[in-house]
């Protein structure tokens, strides 16, 4: 009677196995550290909404913003004449 062949994983040398295990452990640790830092950055960012306000990027755009009084431009809005005292 012939015994059927079964799958047997090829064994690696013990030195390679130890170095591969250390490499996998280091990769896993770095992945967890990256996820933890990303979560920390997210939590810090949502605590400081002032970081996400749109501000003028150049001096010219800053001057134009101050000239408008900080109001948003409206294309359909006609400028009004200032009321004169009677």
Protein backbone atom coordinates (compact mmCIF):
# COMPACT_ATOMS: atom_id res chain seq x y z
CA UNK A 1 0.00 0.00 0.00
CA UNK A 2 1.35 3.42 -1.02
CA UNK A 3 0.92 6.27 1.38
CA UNK A 4 -0.56 9.40 -0.30
CA UNK A 5 1.60 12.49 -0.40
CA UNK A 6 0.58 15.32 1.91
CA UNK A 7 1.52 18.95 1.75
CA UNK A 8 4.45 19.77 3.90
CA UNK A 9 5.72 23.33 4.14
CA UNK A 10 9.36 23.69 3.36
CA UNK A 11 11.18 24.46 6.55
CA UNK A 12 13.60 27.33 6.67
CA UNK A 13 16.80 27.50 8.58
CA UNK A 14 16.31 28.61 12.21
CA UNK A 15 18.45 31.73 11.66
CA UNK A 16 16.25 32.88 8.76
CA UNK A 17 13.09 32.10 10.68
CA UNK A 18 14.19 34.24 13.63
CA UNK A 19 15.18 37.17 11.42
CA UNK A 20 11.92 36.96 9.46
CA UNK A 21 9.93 36.90 12.67
CA UNK A 22 11.80 39.94 13.97
CA UNK A 23 11.23 41.72 10.65
CA UNK A 24 7.49 40.99 10.74
CA UNK A 25 7.28 42.10 14.36
CA UNK A 26 9.06 45.37 13.55
CA UNK A 27 6.76 46.03 10.58
CA UNK A 28 3.70 45.38 12.74
CA UNK A 29 4.97 47.66 15.48
CA UNK A 30 5.69 50.46 13.00
CA UNK A 31 2.22 50.06 11.46
CA UNK A 32 0.57 50.34 14.87
CA UNK A 33 2.72 53.36 15.73
CA UNK A 34 1.70 55.02 12.44
CA UNK A 35 -1.99 54.40 13.09
CA UNK A 36 -1.66 55.73 16.63
CA UNK A 37 0.08 58.90 15.46
CA UNK A 38 -2.54 59.42 12.73
CA UNK A 39 -5.34 59.14 15.30
CA UNK A 40 -3.51 61.55 17.62
CA UNK A 41 -3.07 64.07 14.79
CA UNK A 42 -6.78 63.77 13.93
CA UNK A 43 -7.85 64.34 17.52
CA UNK A 44 -5.57 67.36 17.90
CA UNK A 45 -6.79 68.81 14.59
CA UNK A 46 -10.50 68.54 15.45
CA UNK A 47 -9.82 70.28 18.75
CA UNK A 48 -8.41 73.33 16.93
CA UNK A 49 -10.86 74.44 14.21
CA UNK A 50 -9.11 77.81 13.85
CA UNK A 51 -6.35 75.98 11.96
CA UNK A 52 -8.76 75.42 9.08
CA UNK A 53 -10.00 78.96 8.47
CA UNK A 54 -9.26 80.24 5.01
CA UNK A 55 -6.92 83.18 5.20
CA UNK A 56 -5.52 85.39 2.43
CA UNK A 57 -2.33 83.93 1.00
CA UNK A 58 -0.60 87.09 -0.27
CA UNK A 59 -0.30 90.70 0.75
CA UNK A 60 -2.36 91.80 -2.24
CA UNK A 61 -5.23 89.49 -1.39
CA UNK A 62 -5.02 90.62 2.25
CA UNK A 63 -5.29 94.27 1.18
CA UNK A 64 -8.25 93.49 -1.08
CA UNK A 65 -9.94 91.62 1.76
CA UNK A 66 -9.50 94.59 4.10
CA UNK A 67 -10.74 96.97 1.40
CA UNK A 68 -13.96 94.97 1.13
CA UNK A 69 -14.36 95.04 4.87
CA UNK A 70 -13.98 91.29 5.11
CA UNK A 71 -17.31 90.67 3.33
CA UNK A 72 -17.71 88.01 0.69
CA UNK A 73 -18.09 89.23 -2.87
CA UNK A 74 -21.55 88.95 -4.39
CA UNK A 75 -21.74 89.27 -8.17
CA UNK A 76 -25.43 90.19 -8.19
CA UNK A 77 -25.15 92.83 -5.49
CA UNK A 78 -25.21 96.42 -6.69
CA UNK A 79 -23.18 98.88 -4.63
CA UNK A 80 -25.39 101.19 -2.61
CA UNK A 81 -24.79 104.85 -2.11
CA UNK A 82 -24.07 105.85 1.47
CA UNK A 83 -26.97 107.55 3.17
CA UNK A 84 -26.44 111.28 3.42
CA UNK A 85 -27.75 113.05 6.53
CA UNK A 86 -30.51 115.57 5.84
